[in-house]
N, C-alpha and C. Protein backbone atom coordinates (compact mmCIF):
# COMPACT_ATOMS: atom_id res chain seq x y z
N MET A 1 1.24 -1.34 0.43
CA MET A 1 0.37 -0.10 0.31
C MET A 1 0.94 0.67 -0.05
N GLU A 2 2.01 1.76 0.60
CA GLU A 2 2.84 2.71 1.33
C GLU A 2 4.36 2.97 -0.58
N PHE A 3 4.15 1.28 -1.24
CA PHE A 3 4.91 1.89 -2.33
C PHE A 3 3.76 2.09 -3.25
N LEU A 4 2.21 1.74 -3.32
CA LEU A 4 1.56 2.23 -3.89
C LEU A 4 1.25 3.82 -3.98
N TRP A 5 1.07 3.86 -2.67
CA TRP A 5 1.04 5.76 -2.33
C TRP A 5 2.27 6.12 -3.28
N ALA A 6 3.86 6.06 -3.36
CA ALA A 6 4.58 6.35 -3.27
C ALA A 6 5.12 6.57 -5.12
N SER A 7 4.38 5.61 -5.04
CA SER A 7 3.96 5.31 -6.83
C SER A 7 3.29 7.23 -7.72
N LEU A 8 1.45 6.85 -6.70
CA LEU A 8 0.92 7.94 -7.88
C LEU A 8 1.50 9.57 -6.90
N LEU A 9 2.57 9.35 -5.58
CA LEU A 9 2.22 10.78 -5.98
C LEU A 9 3.36 11.21 -6.42
N GLY A 10 4.73 10.37 -6.73
CA GLY A 10 5.97 10.89 -7.70
C GLY A 10 5.43 11.00 -9.30
N LEU A 11 4.42 9.99 -9.86
CA LEU A 11 4.01 10.34 -10.46
C LEU A 11 3.61 11.45 -10.33
N CYS A 12 2.38 11.87 -9.73
CA CYS A 12 1.20 13.61 -9.76
C CYS A 12 2.83 14.09 -9.85
N CYS A 13 3.46 14.18 -9.09
CA CYS A 13 4.18 15.84 -8.36
C CYS A 13 5.16 15.53 -9.64
N SER A 14 5.82 14.69 -10.13
CA SER A 14 7.07 15.12 -11.27
C SER A 14 6.06 15.07 -12.28
N LEU A 15 4.68 15.09 -12.53
CA LEU A 15 3.34 16.04 -13.75
C LEU A 15 3.40 17.62 -13.44
N ALA A 16 3.27 17.69 -12.27
CA ALA A 16 2.87 18.76 -11.90
C ALA A 16 4.45 19.56 -11.84
N ALA A 17 5.36 19.87 -11.87
CA ALA A 17 6.21 20.32 -11.56
C ALA A 17 6.72 20.23 -13.38
N ALA A 18 7.28 19.81 -14.07
CA ALA A 18 7.75 19.64 -15.20
C ALA A 18 7.61 21.47 -16.36
N ASN A 19 8.33 21.98 -15.47
CA ASN A 19 8.23 23.58 -16.79
C ASN A 19 9.03 23.27 -17.70
N ARG A 20 8.87 23.91 -19.05
CA ARG A 20 10.12 24.59 -20.21
C ARG A 20 10.67 25.74 -20.18
N HIS A 21 11.27 26.10 -19.85
CA HIS A 21 11.92 27.52 -20.14
C HIS A 21 12.46 27.81 -20.97
N THR A 22 11.91 29.38 -21.94
CA THR A 22 13.12 29.46 -23.25
C THR A 22 13.38 30.61 -22.77
N VAL A 23 14.22 30.11 -23.36
CA VAL A 23 15.91 31.13 -24.10
C VAL A 23 16.24 32.18 -25.22
N PHE A 24 16.11 33.20 -26.08
CA PHE A 24 15.96 33.46 -27.30
C PHE A 24 17.62 33.87 -27.45
N TRP A 25 18.47 32.72 -27.84
CA TRP A 25 19.65 33.47 -27.52
C TRP A 25 19.88 34.13 -28.65
N ASN A 26 20.50 34.96 -28.53
CA ASN A 26 20.54 35.96 -29.36
C ASN A 26 20.37 37.71 -28.67
N SER A 27 22.00 38.44 -29.59
CA SER A 27 22.45 39.56 -29.13
C SER A 27 21.25 40.69 -28.31
N SER A 28 19.99 40.22 -29.76
CA SER A 28 18.75 41.51 -29.64
C SER A 28 18.30 41.12 -27.82
N ASN A 29 17.70 40.31 -27.56
CA ASN A 29 17.25 40.07 -26.27
C ASN A 29 17.94 41.08 -25.26
N PRO A 30 17.38 41.36 -24.98
CA PRO A 30 17.80 42.59 -23.60
C PRO A 30 18.13 41.75 -22.16
N LYS A 31 17.51 40.73 -22.21
CA LYS A 31 18.12 39.98 -21.18
C LYS A 31 19.16 39.93 -20.83
N PHE A 32 20.35 39.75 -22.04
CA PHE A 32 21.19 39.10 -21.71
C PHE A 32 22.59 39.72 -21.96
N TRP A 33 21.61 41.75 -21.96
CA TRP A 33 22.25 42.46 -22.11
C TRP A 33 22.83 43.22 -20.08
N ASN A 34 22.63 43.14 -19.21
CA ASN A 34 23.13 43.18 -17.57
C ASN A 34 23.80 42.42 -17.50
N GLU A 35 24.33 40.94 -18.52
CA GLU A 35 25.76 39.58 -18.52
C GLU A 35 25.04 39.06 -16.82
N ASP A 36 23.70 39.17 -16.89
CA ASP A 36 23.76 38.23 -14.93
C ASP A 36 21.97 36.94 -15.81
N TYR A 37 22.15 37.11 -16.58
CA TYR A 37 20.62 35.92 -16.65
C TYR A 37 20.44 34.99 -16.41
N THR A 38 19.52 35.13 -15.57
CA THR A 38 19.45 33.34 -14.73
C THR A 38 17.53 33.16 -15.02
N VAL A 39 18.73 32.11 -15.29
CA VAL A 39 17.02 30.91 -15.46
C VAL A 39 16.47 29.86 -14.02
N HIS A 40 15.79 30.11 -13.57
CA HIS A 40 14.96 28.58 -12.28
C HIS A 40 14.14 28.00 -12.40
N VAL A 41 14.41 26.68 -12.84
CA VAL A 41 14.09 25.40 -12.93
C VAL A 41 14.31 24.78 -11.58
N ARG A 42 13.89 23.71 -12.10
CA ARG A 42 13.73 22.53 -11.22
C ARG A 42 14.65 21.17 -12.28
N ILE A 43 14.22 20.01 -11.61
CA ILE A 43 14.95 18.48 -11.89
C ILE A 43 13.42 18.36 -12.38
N ASP A 44 13.40 17.41 -14.20
CA ASP A 44 12.93 17.07 -15.44
C ASP A 44 12.31 18.08 -15.47
N ASP A 45 12.51 19.59 -15.56
CA ASP A 45 12.26 20.56 -16.24
C ASP A 45 13.51 21.18 -17.98
N TYR A 46 12.76 21.54 -18.36
CA TYR A 46 13.25 21.56 -19.97
C TYR A 46 13.92 23.13 -19.91
N LEU A 47 15.01 23.37 -20.42
CA LEU A 47 15.16 24.46 -21.78
C LEU A 47 16.25 24.40 -22.54
N ASP A 48 14.51 25.68 -23.04
CA ASP A 48 15.16 25.20 -24.41
C ASP A 48 15.24 26.41 -25.09
N ILE A 49 16.52 26.62 -26.09
CA ILE A 49 16.98 27.21 -26.44
C ILE A 49 15.88 27.91 -28.17
N ILE A 50 16.35 28.92 -28.21
CA ILE A 50 15.19 29.25 -29.90
C ILE A 50 16.77 29.95 -30.39
N CYS A 51 17.67 30.41 -31.53
CA CYS A 51 18.46 30.41 -31.89
C CYS A 51 17.71 31.25 -33.15
N PRO A 52 19.10 32.25 -33.53
CA PRO A 52 18.94 32.80 -34.44
C PRO A 52 18.12 32.44 -35.98
N HIS A 53 16.76 33.71 -36.05
CA HIS A 53 16.25 32.97 -36.94
C HIS A 53 15.76 35.04 -38.23
N TYR A 54 16.10 33.80 -39.76
CA TYR A 54 15.58 35.38 -40.00
C TYR A 54 15.07 35.03 -41.35
N GLU A 55 13.72 35.85 -41.33
CA GLU A 55 12.53 35.22 -42.45
C GLU A 55 13.13 35.99 -44.26
N ASP A 56 13.97 36.47 -44.38
CA ASP A 56 14.54 37.72 -45.50
C ASP A 56 14.77 37.62 -45.02
N ASN A 57 16.21 38.78 -46.33
CA ASN A 57 16.93 39.33 -46.75
C ASN A 57 16.99 40.00 -46.09
N SER A 58 16.89 40.67 -45.77
CA SER A 58 17.45 42.22 -44.87
C SER A 58 18.69 42.71 -44.32
N VAL A 59 19.05 41.24 -43.67
CA VAL A 59 20.59 41.14 -43.01
C VAL A 59 21.74 40.72 -43.69
N PRO A 60 23.01 40.95 -44.27
CA PRO A 60 23.84 39.76 -45.13
C PRO A 60 23.90 38.62 -44.44
N ASP A 61 24.18 38.05 -44.94
CA ASP A 61 24.16 36.87 -44.06
C ASP A 61 25.48 36.66 -44.05
N ALA A 62 26.48 37.10 -44.22
CA ALA A 62 27.43 36.98 -43.36
C ALA A 62 27.23 38.16 -41.81
N ALA A 63 26.58 39.33 -41.66
CA ALA A 63 25.87 39.15 -40.24
C ALA A 63 24.69 38.39 -39.47
N MET A 64 24.54 37.29 -39.88
CA MET A 64 23.08 36.79 -39.68
C MET A 64 24.42 36.19 -38.23
N GLU A 65 23.56 36.43 -36.80
CA GLU A 65 24.53 35.92 -35.56
C GLU A 65 23.94 34.01 -35.76
N GLN A 66 25.00 33.54 -35.18
CA GLN A 66 25.56 31.69 -35.93
C GLN A 66 25.93 31.98 -34.17
N TYR A 67 25.92 31.22 -32.90
CA TYR A 67 26.50 30.67 -32.42
C TYR A 67 27.31 29.50 -32.26
N THR A 68 28.20 28.86 -31.70
CA THR A 68 27.93 27.48 -30.70
C THR A 68 28.34 27.48 -29.30
N LEU A 69 27.61 26.61 -28.40
CA LEU A 69 27.18 26.99 -26.75
C LEU A 69 27.77 26.03 -26.54
N TYR A 70 29.02 25.95 -24.88
CA TYR A 70 29.27 25.99 -24.06
C TYR A 70 28.19 25.29 -22.89
N LEU A 71 28.74 24.07 -21.94
CA LEU A 71 28.58 23.93 -20.83
C LEU A 71 29.38 24.59 -20.31
N VAL A 72 29.20 25.20 -19.45
CA VAL A 72 31.34 25.74 -18.26
C VAL A 72 31.36 25.22 -17.13
N GLU A 73 32.21 25.79 -16.43
CA GLU A 73 32.22 25.05 -15.23
C GLU A 73 31.97 27.69 -15.11
N HIS A 74 32.00 27.81 -13.91
CA HIS A 74 31.94 28.69 -13.12
C HIS A 74 33.23 29.81 -13.49
N GLU A 75 34.04 29.39 -13.85
CA GLU A 75 35.14 30.38 -13.92
C GLU A 75 35.16 30.33 -15.15
N GLN A 76 35.07 29.93 -15.96
CA GLN A 76 34.69 30.14 -18.11
C GLN A 76 33.55 30.92 -18.10
N TYR A 77 32.08 30.92 -16.98
CA TYR A 77 31.28 32.08 -17.22
C TYR A 77 31.71 33.17 -16.92
N GLN A 78 32.58 33.09 -16.01
CA GLN A 78 33.25 34.59 -15.45
C GLN A 78 33.49 35.24 -16.88
N LEU A 79 34.50 34.30 -17.33
CA LEU A 79 35.25 35.04 -18.17
C LEU A 79 35.41 34.58 -19.97
N CYS A 80 33.96 33.89 -20.29
CA CYS A 80 33.09 34.29 -21.49
C CYS A 80 33.86 33.05 -21.93
N GLN A 81 35.23 31.85 -22.01
CA GLN A 81 36.05 32.07 -23.14
C GLN A 81 35.92 30.41 -22.02
N PRO A 82 35.59 29.07 -23.10
CA PRO A 82 35.28 28.08 -23.14
C PRO A 82 37.42 27.44 -22.97
N GLN A 83 37.22 26.17 -21.60
CA GLN A 83 38.39 25.91 -21.86
C GLN A 83 38.54 24.49 -23.48
N PRO A 84 39.75 24.62 -24.16
CA PRO A 84 39.57 24.07 -25.35
C PRO A 84 39.41 22.28 -25.32
N LYS A 85 39.28 21.44 -23.51
CA LYS A 85 38.85 20.91 -23.67
C LYS A 85 37.33 20.47 -23.99
N ASP A 86 36.93 22.16 -23.33
CA ASP A 86 35.10 21.53 -23.30
C ASP A 86 34.85 21.24 -24.76
N PRO A 87 33.64 20.33 -24.37
CA PRO A 87 33.18 20.37 -25.83
C PRO A 87 31.62 20.92 -26.26
N ALA A 88 31.42 21.78 -27.78
CA ALA A 88 30.91 22.58 -27.83
C ALA A 88 28.63 21.22 -27.27
N ARG A 89 27.87 22.27 -27.08
CA ARG A 89 26.94 21.35 -26.83
C ARG A 89 25.85 21.69 -27.10
N TRP A 90 26.10 22.73 -28.55
CA TRP A 90 25.05 23.24 -29.22
C TRP A 90 25.38 23.43 -30.79
N PHE A 91 24.69 23.70 -31.76
CA PHE A 91 25.18 25.35 -32.29
C PHE A 91 24.26 26.22 -33.70
N CYS A 92 24.14 26.78 -33.09
CA CYS A 92 22.97 28.06 -33.23
C CYS A 92 24.03 27.66 -34.84
N LYS A 93 23.38 27.52 -36.10
CA LYS A 93 24.85 27.65 -37.25
C LYS A 93 23.35 27.96 -38.58
N ASN A 94 22.15 27.67 -38.42
CA ASN A 94 21.03 27.77 -39.67
C ASN A 94 20.02 29.19 -39.30
N PRO A 95 21.15 30.28 -39.57
CA PRO A 95 19.46 31.65 -39.43
C PRO A 95 18.20 31.14 -40.32
N LYS A 96 18.64 30.62 -41.47
CA LYS A 96 17.76 30.94 -42.29
C LYS A 96 16.94 29.24 -42.72
N ALA A 97 16.53 28.87 -41.70
CA ALA A 97 15.88 27.37 -42.07
C ALA A 97 14.20 27.37 -42.23
N LYS A 98 14.47 26.70 -43.23
CA LYS A 98 12.96 27.20 -43.94
C LYS A 98 11.52 26.74 -42.07
N HIS A 99 12.04 25.99 -42.07
CA HIS A 99 11.10 24.88 -41.37
C HIS A 99 10.41 26.02 -39.58
N GLY A 100 11.66 26.95 -39.65
CA GLY A 100 11.44 28.18 -39.23
C GLY A 100 13.67 28.59 -38.25
N PRO A 101 13.03 28.90 -36.22
CA PRO A 101 14.02 28.88 -35.63
C PRO A 101 14.42 27.27 -35.16
N GLU A 102 15.07 27.51 -35.20
CA GLU A 102 16.15 26.03 -34.60
C GLU A 102 16.04 25.79 -32.73
N LYS A 103 15.60 25.25 -32.09
CA LYS A 103 14.74 25.00 -30.88
C LYS A 103 16.09 23.60 -30.22
N LEU A 104 17.17 24.42 -29.12
CA LEU A 104 18.12 22.76 -29.24
C LEU A 104 17.25 22.97 -27.52
N SER A 105 17.22 21.84 -27.02
CA SER A 105 16.64 21.28 -25.69
C SER A 105 18.11 21.09 -24.57
N GLU A 106 17.48 21.11 -23.73
CA GLU A 106 18.19 20.42 -22.64
C GLU A 106 17.44 20.16 -21.28
N LYS A 107 17.20 19.02 -20.56
CA LYS A 107 16.31 18.00 -19.97
C LYS A 107 17.62 18.05 -18.93
N PHE A 108 16.95 18.15 -17.48
CA PHE A 108 17.87 19.00 -16.40
C PHE A 108 17.37 17.40 -15.31
N HIS A 109 17.99 16.43 -15.75
CA HIS A 109 17.58 15.43 -15.70
C HIS A 109 19.18 15.03 -13.78
N ARG A 110 18.16 13.81 -13.39
CA ARG A 110 18.99 13.61 -12.08
C ARG A 110 20.07 12.62 -12.24
N PHE A 111 19.86 11.47 -13.32
CA PHE A 111 20.62 10.12 -13.79
C PHE A 111 20.51 9.96 -15.17
N THR A 112 20.78 10.29 -15.95
CA THR A 112 20.50 9.62 -17.00
C THR A 112 21.23 8.27 -17.39
N GLY A 113 22.84 7.94 -17.39
CA GLY A 113 22.38 6.62 -17.77
C GLY A 113 23.76 6.40 -18.75
N PHE A 114 24.06 7.68 -19.70
CA PHE A 114 24.57 8.11 -20.75
C PHE A 114 25.56 7.81 -20.92
N THR A 115 26.88 8.12 -22.07
CA THR A 115 28.16 8.77 -20.94
C THR A 115 28.52 9.89 -21.53
N LEU A 116 27.27 10.10 -22.67
CA LEU A 116 27.86 12.26 -23.12
C LEU A 116 26.69 12.62 -22.46
N SER A 117 25.90 11.99 -22.13
CA SER A 117 24.83 12.86 -21.22
C SER A 117 25.40 13.69 -20.28
N LYS A 118 24.51 14.87 -19.86
CA LYS A 118 24.60 15.41 -18.18
C LYS A 118 24.16 14.84 -17.35
N ASP A 119 24.41 14.69 -15.81
CA ASP A 119 23.43 14.37 -14.25
C ASP A 119 23.49 15.91 -14.40
N PHE A 120 23.16 15.67 -14.16
CA PHE A 120 22.44 17.91 -12.84
C PHE A 120 22.18 17.38 -11.73
N LYS A 121 22.10 18.58 -10.91
CA LYS A 121 21.76 17.75 -9.30
C LYS A 121 21.19 19.21 -8.43
N GLU A 122 20.28 18.58 -8.15
CA GLU A 122 19.46 19.77 -6.95
C GLU A 122 19.82 20.73 -6.08
N GLY A 123 19.79 21.63 -6.05
CA GLY A 123 20.58 23.22 -5.27
C GLY A 123 22.22 23.39 -6.45
N HIS A 124 22.39 23.03 -7.28
CA HIS A 124 23.65 23.62 -8.07
C HIS A 124 23.29 24.74 -8.87
N ASN A 125 24.58 25.30 -9.42
CA ASN A 125 24.35 26.33 -10.80
C ASN A 125 24.95 25.83 -12.00
N TYR A 126 24.68 25.80 -12.73
CA TYR A 126 24.87 25.40 -14.56
C TYR A 126 25.54 26.77 -15.44
N TYR A 127 25.79 26.60 -16.08
CA TYR A 127 26.24 27.73 -16.86
C TYR A 127 26.66 27.36 -17.50
N TYR A 128 26.05 28.96 -18.53
CA TYR A 128 26.24 28.26 -20.75
C TYR A 128 26.98 29.13 -21.38
N ILE A 129 27.51 29.35 -22.24
CA ILE A 129 28.07 31.30 -22.77
C ILE A 129 28.53 30.59 -24.09
N SER A 130 28.21 31.25 -24.90
CA SER A 130 28.88 30.79 -26.25
C SER A 130 29.96 32.28 -27.44
N LYS A 131 30.17 31.15 -28.27
CA LYS A 131 31.03 31.91 -28.89
C LYS A 131 30.28 32.17 -30.37
N PRO A 132 30.69 33.29 -30.79
CA PRO A 132 30.12 34.34 -32.54
C PRO A 132 30.93 32.68 -33.17
N ILE A 133 30.41 32.78 -34.43
CA ILE A 133 30.25 31.79 -35.37
C ILE A 133 30.11 33.28 -36.63
N HIS A 134 29.22 34.32 -36.08
CA HIS A 134 29.43 35.05 -37.66
C HIS A 134 30.35 35.93 -37.36
N ASN A 135 30.31 36.51 -36.50
CA ASN A 135 31.86 37.91 -36.03
C ASN A 135 32.43 37.21 -34.31
N GLN A 136 33.65 37.29 -34.48
CA GLN A 136 34.59 37.24 -33.15
C GLN A 136 34.24 38.17 -31.96
N GLU A 137 33.80 39.15 -32.37
CA GLU A 137 34.18 40.98 -31.81
C GLU A 137 32.84 41.31 -30.94
N ASP A 138 32.24 39.76 -31.81
CA ASP A 138 30.20 40.39 -31.01
C ASP A 138 30.29 40.35 -29.87
N ARG A 139 29.27 40.50 -28.80
CA ARG A 139 28.92 40.85 -27.53
C ARG A 139 28.91 39.00 -27.01
N CYS A 140 30.09 39.13 -25.34
CA CYS A 140 29.55 37.43 -24.94
C CYS A 140 28.56 37.16 -24.25
N LEU A 141 27.37 35.97 -24.49
CA LEU A 141 26.21 35.85 -23.99
C LEU A 141 26.92 35.55 -22.98
N ARG A 142 26.05 34.92 -22.39
CA ARG A 142 25.67 33.42 -20.95
C ARG A 142 25.01 34.12 -20.44
N LEU A 143 24.33 32.11 -19.71
CA LEU A 143 23.53 32.09 -18.87
C LEU A 143 23.51 31.47 -18.46
N LYS A 144 22.99 32.14 -16.47
CA LYS A 144 23.40 31.21 -15.42
C LYS A 144 21.88 30.31 -15.29
N VAL A 145 22.49 28.89 -14.95
CA VAL A 145 21.01 27.99 -14.50
C VAL A 145 20.91 27.93 -13.16
N MET A 146 19.44 29.07 -12.53
CA MET A 146 19.56 27.82 -10.63
C MET A 146 19.09 26.31 -10.64
N ILE A 147 19.74 25.42 -10.38
CA ILE A 147 18.13 24.16 -10.24
C ILE A 147 18.34 24.85 -8.68
N ALA A 148 16.57 24.12 -8.26
CA ALA A 148 16.54 24.41 -6.92
C ALA A 148 16.25 22.93 -6.53
N GLY A 149 16.42 23.19 -4.61
CA GLY A 149 16.87 22.02 -3.65
C GLY A 149 15.62 20.90 -4.05
N LYS A 150 15.64 20.24 -3.61
CA LYS A 150 14.14 18.41 -3.26
C LYS A 150 12.50 20.05 -2.89
N ILE A 151 12.03 19.76 -4.16
CA ILE A 151 9.97 20.17 -3.09
C ILE A 151 9.84 19.40 -2.33
N SER A 152 9.68 20.51 -2.53
CA SER A 152 8.74 20.13 -0.78
C SER A 152 7.75 20.18 -0.43
N GLU A 153 6.90 20.55 -1.69
CA GLU A 153 5.61 20.85 -1.62
C GLU A 153 5.01 20.50 -2.74
N CYS A 154 4.11 19.28 -3.02
CA CYS A 154 3.17 19.39 -4.16
C CYS A 154 1.98 19.14 -4.42
N GLN A 155 1.18 19.44 -5.00
CA GLN A 155 -0.29 19.48 -5.43
C GLN A 155 -0.39 18.88 -7.26
N GLY A 156 -0.82 17.56 -6.91
CA GLY A 156 -1.32 17.24 -8.00
C GLY A 156 -2.41 16.79 -7.95
N PRO A 157 -2.94 16.43 -9.08
CA PRO A 157 -3.92 15.86 -9.81
C PRO A 157 -5.01 15.03 -8.72
N VAL A 158 -4.72 14.68 -7.86
CA VAL A 158 -5.83 13.99 -6.75
C VAL A 158 -5.03 14.47 -5.69
N GLY A 159 -4.95 15.82 -5.92
CA GLY A 159 -4.87 16.77 -4.19
C GLY A 159 -4.08 16.49 -2.71
N LEU A 160 -3.20 15.61 -3.38
CA LEU A 160 -1.50 15.10 -2.08
C LEU A 160 -1.40 16.08 -1.85
N LEU A 161 -0.75 16.76 -0.89
CA LEU A 161 -0.37 17.77 0.05
C LEU A 161 1.33 16.82 0.80
N SER A 162 2.40 17.54 0.91
CA SER A 162 3.29 17.23 1.63
C SER A 162 4.20 18.32 1.88
N PRO A 163 4.25 18.87 3.20
CA PRO A 163 4.91 19.23 4.18
C PRO A 163 6.42 19.46 3.77
N SER A 164 6.79 21.30 4.21
CA SER A 164 8.55 20.74 3.93
C SER A 164 8.70 20.17 4.97
N TYR A 165 8.52 19.67 6.10
CA TYR A 165 8.98 18.76 7.41
C TYR A 165 7.77 17.45 7.48
N PRO A 166 8.83 16.67 7.75
CA PRO A 166 7.89 14.90 8.32
C PRO A 166 7.21 15.56 9.38
N GLY A 167 5.39 14.59 9.39
CA GLY A 167 4.81 15.79 10.15
C GLY A 167 4.30 13.99 11.06
N PRO A 168 3.16 14.21 11.74
CA PRO A 168 2.70 13.07 12.35
C PRO A 168 1.66 12.11 10.65
N GLY A 169 2.37 10.17 11.49
CA GLY A 169 1.39 9.98 9.89
C GLY A 169 2.03 10.41 8.64
N ARG A 170 2.92 10.38 8.38
CA ARG A 170 3.97 10.99 7.83
C ARG A 170 5.15 10.19 7.01
N LYS A 171 5.58 10.22 5.80
CA LYS A 171 7.17 9.04 5.94
C LYS A 171 8.01 9.11 4.25
N ILE A 172 9.06 9.03 4.96
CA ILE A 172 9.67 9.95 3.18
C ILE A 172 10.32 8.85 2.66
N TRP A 173 10.07 9.22 2.26
CA TRP A 173 10.06 7.75 0.86
C TRP A 173 10.55 8.58 -0.56
N ASP A 174 11.76 8.95 -0.97
CA ASP A 174 12.94 9.25 -2.04
C ASP A 174 12.68 10.92 -1.89
N GLY A 175 12.29 11.53 -0.81
CA GLY A 175 12.80 12.63 -1.03
C GLY A 175 10.92 13.29 -0.59
N TRP A 176 10.44 11.95 -0.68
CA TRP A 176 8.81 12.91 -0.61
C TRP A 176 8.58 12.36 0.76
N GLU A 177 7.31 13.20 1.38
CA GLU A 177 6.88 12.40 2.38
C GLU A 177 5.25 12.25 2.06
N ILE A 178 5.40 10.93 2.05
CA ILE A 178 3.62 10.40 1.55
C ILE A 178 2.37 9.75 3.11
N PRO A 179 1.52 10.85 2.88
CA PRO A 179 0.94 10.04 4.31
C PRO A 179 -0.01 8.66 4.51
N LEU A 180 0.19 8.40 5.76
CA LEU A 180 0.48 6.71 6.07
C LEU A 180 -0.97 6.84 6.10
N PRO A 181 -1.63 5.30 5.78
CA PRO A 181 -3.07 5.03 6.94
C PRO A 181 -3.00 5.65 7.88
N SER A 182 -4.51 6.62 8.37
CA SER A 182 -5.14 6.83 10.11
C SER A 182 -5.38 5.54 10.48
N PRO A 183 -4.75 6.17 11.82
CA PRO A 183 -5.16 4.91 12.56
C PRO A 183 -6.95 4.59 12.92
N ALA A 184 -7.09 3.26 13.26
CA ALA A 184 -8.75 3.13 14.03
C ALA A 184 -8.76 3.75 14.76
N ASN A 185 -9.87 4.96 15.19
CA ASN A 185 -10.16 5.51 16.27
C ASN A 185 -11.00 4.67 16.96
N THR A 186 -10.08 5.72 18.61
CA THR A 186 -10.51 4.16 19.89
C THR A 186 -11.62 5.36 19.91
N PRO A 187 -12.46 4.93 20.52
CA PRO A 187 -13.64 5.64 21.56
C PRO A 187 -12.84 6.21 22.83
N THR A 188 -12.74 7.06 23.00
CA THR A 188 -13.11 7.61 24.04
C THR A 188 -14.18 8.04 25.13
N PRO A 189 -13.73 7.18 26.15
CA PRO A 189 -14.84 6.92 27.00
C PRO A 189 -15.85 8.00 27.60
N LEU A 190 -16.78 8.30 28.43
CA LEU A 190 -17.75 9.88 28.36
C LEU A 190 -17.72 9.04 30.12
N LEU A 191 -17.64 10.55 31.05
CA LEU A 191 -17.48 10.34 32.28
C LEU A 191 -19.30 10.27 32.92
N PRO A 192 -19.64 9.01 33.81
CA PRO A 192 -20.24 9.72 34.42
C PRO A 192 -20.97 11.09 34.47
N ALA A 193 -22.68 11.40 34.31
CA ALA A 193 -22.20 12.78 34.80
C ALA A 193 -22.67 13.38 35.68
N CYS A 194 -23.38 12.23 37.19
CA CYS A 194 -23.20 12.90 37.65
C CYS A 194 -22.85 10.97 38.73
N THR A 195 -22.36 11.24 39.82
CA THR A 195 -21.44 10.26 40.75
C THR A 195 -21.28 11.23 41.98
N LYS A 196 -21.97 9.18 42.76
CA LYS A 196 -21.64 9.30 43.65
C LYS A 196 -20.52 10.20 44.77
N SER A 197 -20.89 10.64 45.72
CA SER A 197 -20.06 10.94 46.21
C SER A 197 -19.73 10.96 47.78
N PRO A 198 -19.18 10.81 48.54
CA PRO A 198 -19.34 10.07 50.36
C PRO A 198 -20.19 11.46 50.17
N ASP A 199 -20.90 11.14 51.74
CA ASP A 199 -21.03 12.07 52.99
C ASP A 199 -20.12 12.17 53.98
N LEU A 200 -20.04 13.97 53.85
CA LEU A 200 -19.15 14.47 54.54
C LEU A 200 -19.47 14.89 56.50
N ARG A 201 -20.56 14.98 55.68
CA ARG A 201 -21.78 15.40 57.82
C ARG A 201 -21.21 14.59 58.83
N PRO A 202 -20.79 15.15 59.60
CA PRO A 202 -20.19 14.10 60.93
C PRO A 202 -21.94 13.03 61.44
N PRO A 203 -21.46 12.22 62.07
CA PRO A 203 -22.75 11.38 62.53
C PRO A 203 -23.44 12.32 63.28
N LEU A 204 -24.77 11.84 62.91
CA LEU A 204 -25.67 12.41 64.19
C LEU A 204 -25.76 11.97 65.52
N SER A 205 -26.23 11.54 66.71
CA SER A 205 -25.71 11.24 67.56
C SER A 205 -26.84 10.08 67.83
N PHE A 206 -28.03 10.04 67.15
CA PHE A 206 -29.37 9.59 68.36
C PHE A 206 -29.61 8.57 66.77
N SER A 207 -28.49 8.07 65.10
CA SER A 207 -28.89 7.44 64.43
C SER A 207 -27.69 7.86 63.77
N SER A 208 -27.52 6.59 63.85
CA SER A 208 -26.29 6.76 62.49
C SER A 208 -27.01 7.01 60.69
N GLN A 209 -26.51 7.74 60.08
CA GLN A 209 -26.70 7.98 58.42
C GLN A 209 -26.08 7.28 57.44
N PRO A 210 -27.34 6.96 56.36
CA PRO A 210 -26.45 6.34 55.60
C PRO A 210 -25.67 7.22 54.53
N SER A 211 -24.74 7.15 54.11
CA SER A 211 -23.83 7.16 52.27
C SER A 211 -25.60 8.11 52.02
N GLY A 212 -25.01 9.05 51.41
CA GLY A 212 -25.61 10.18 50.77
C GLY A 212 -26.29 9.40 49.41
N PRO A 213 -27.54 10.18 48.38
CA PRO A 213 -27.12 9.41 47.31
C PRO A 213 -26.80 10.42 46.22
N CYS A 214 -26.55 10.34 45.28
CA CYS A 214 -26.00 10.47 44.01
C CYS A 214 -25.95 12.03 44.12
N GLN A 215 -24.62 12.52 44.31
CA GLN A 215 -25.16 14.30 44.61
C GLN A 215 -24.17 14.40 43.87
N CYS A 216 -25.07 15.77 42.39
CA CYS A 216 -24.68 16.48 40.84
C CYS A 216 -23.64 17.41 42.12
N THR A 217 -24.07 18.58 42.60
CA THR A 217 -23.15 19.85 42.97
C THR A 217 -23.12 20.00 44.54
N ARG A 218 -22.64 21.23 44.09
CA ARG A 218 -22.60 20.85 46.18
C ARG A 218 -24.15 21.80 46.11
N GLU A 219 -24.48 22.35 45.47
CA GLU A 219 -25.55 23.22 46.10
C GLU A 219 -26.78 22.68 46.41
N GLU A 220 -26.86 20.96 45.77
CA GLU A 220 -28.14 19.65 46.19
C GLU A 220 -27.72 19.28 47.59
N THR A 221 -25.88 19.69 47.92
CA THR A 221 -25.72 18.80 49.01
C THR A 221 -26.13 20.05 50.47
N SER A 222 -25.85 21.08 49.98
CA SER A 222 -26.53 21.96 51.15
C SER A 222 -27.50 21.94 51.17
N SER A 223 -28.28 22.37 50.15
CA SER A 223 -29.41 22.21 50.84
C SER A 223 -30.62 20.44 50.96
N ARG A 224 -29.71 19.58 51.84
CA ARG A 224 -30.44 18.69 52.64
C ARG A 224 -30.44 18.86 54.26
C-alpha cells in the first residue's frame, strides 16, 4: 500500500513540476545585456534555446548571428571563454532554416546513465556561454541556470499535499513525504454526568446516617 501511495505521489509531482523555460539566444534579447541572465528551474524541467532566425534578406548573410554554445564551469562563465577541452553543447548555425528557428533543448535529469549526457544535481548552478561564429568580436552571451533544491510541496491532480517537514502520520520516501493510513479511531470513554460522593457530614448522636445519594452539585448537597 505504501509503495502504491509513493508511486502515485511521485507521478503526480513529476507531472505537476515539469516546466519548459525558453531562452531566445541572440544579441537583441535585452535579458543578456546585464550579463547576469539567470533562469530558475527544477529537476526534470526543460531549457529550450531558440536560435537566431531571419525570414528575409534584410540582413546580409555574413551578419546573421550564429553561435556555438558550451556548458562550462563558473570560472569560464565569468571569463566567457571556454577551455579547449570543453566540448560544444549545441550549434546555432542555420539562421535561414525554412522550418523556422532551431530549438535546442536540455532536460535537467538527475541521472541518465548515458556517457555523453549530463547529470544535474538539485541545489547546484550550471553555466552556458556562447562563442559567435559570424563575428568573433560580438558581445558575450551567457546564462546561469539555478536548479532548486528538493521539492517540499506538491499539489497534483489527486490533491495530495506534503509539508516541508515530516509531520505526524507521514513517511519519507525518495525525498517525498507520504501520508500513512490513519489508525482506527479509539472511542473516548464518557464520564457519567453524576457520580456518587461520600457524605462528609458528622454522624448524628441519635442515629447513624447512611451514605448520601448521588450528588451532582455542591448546591444540592447544601440543600439537604
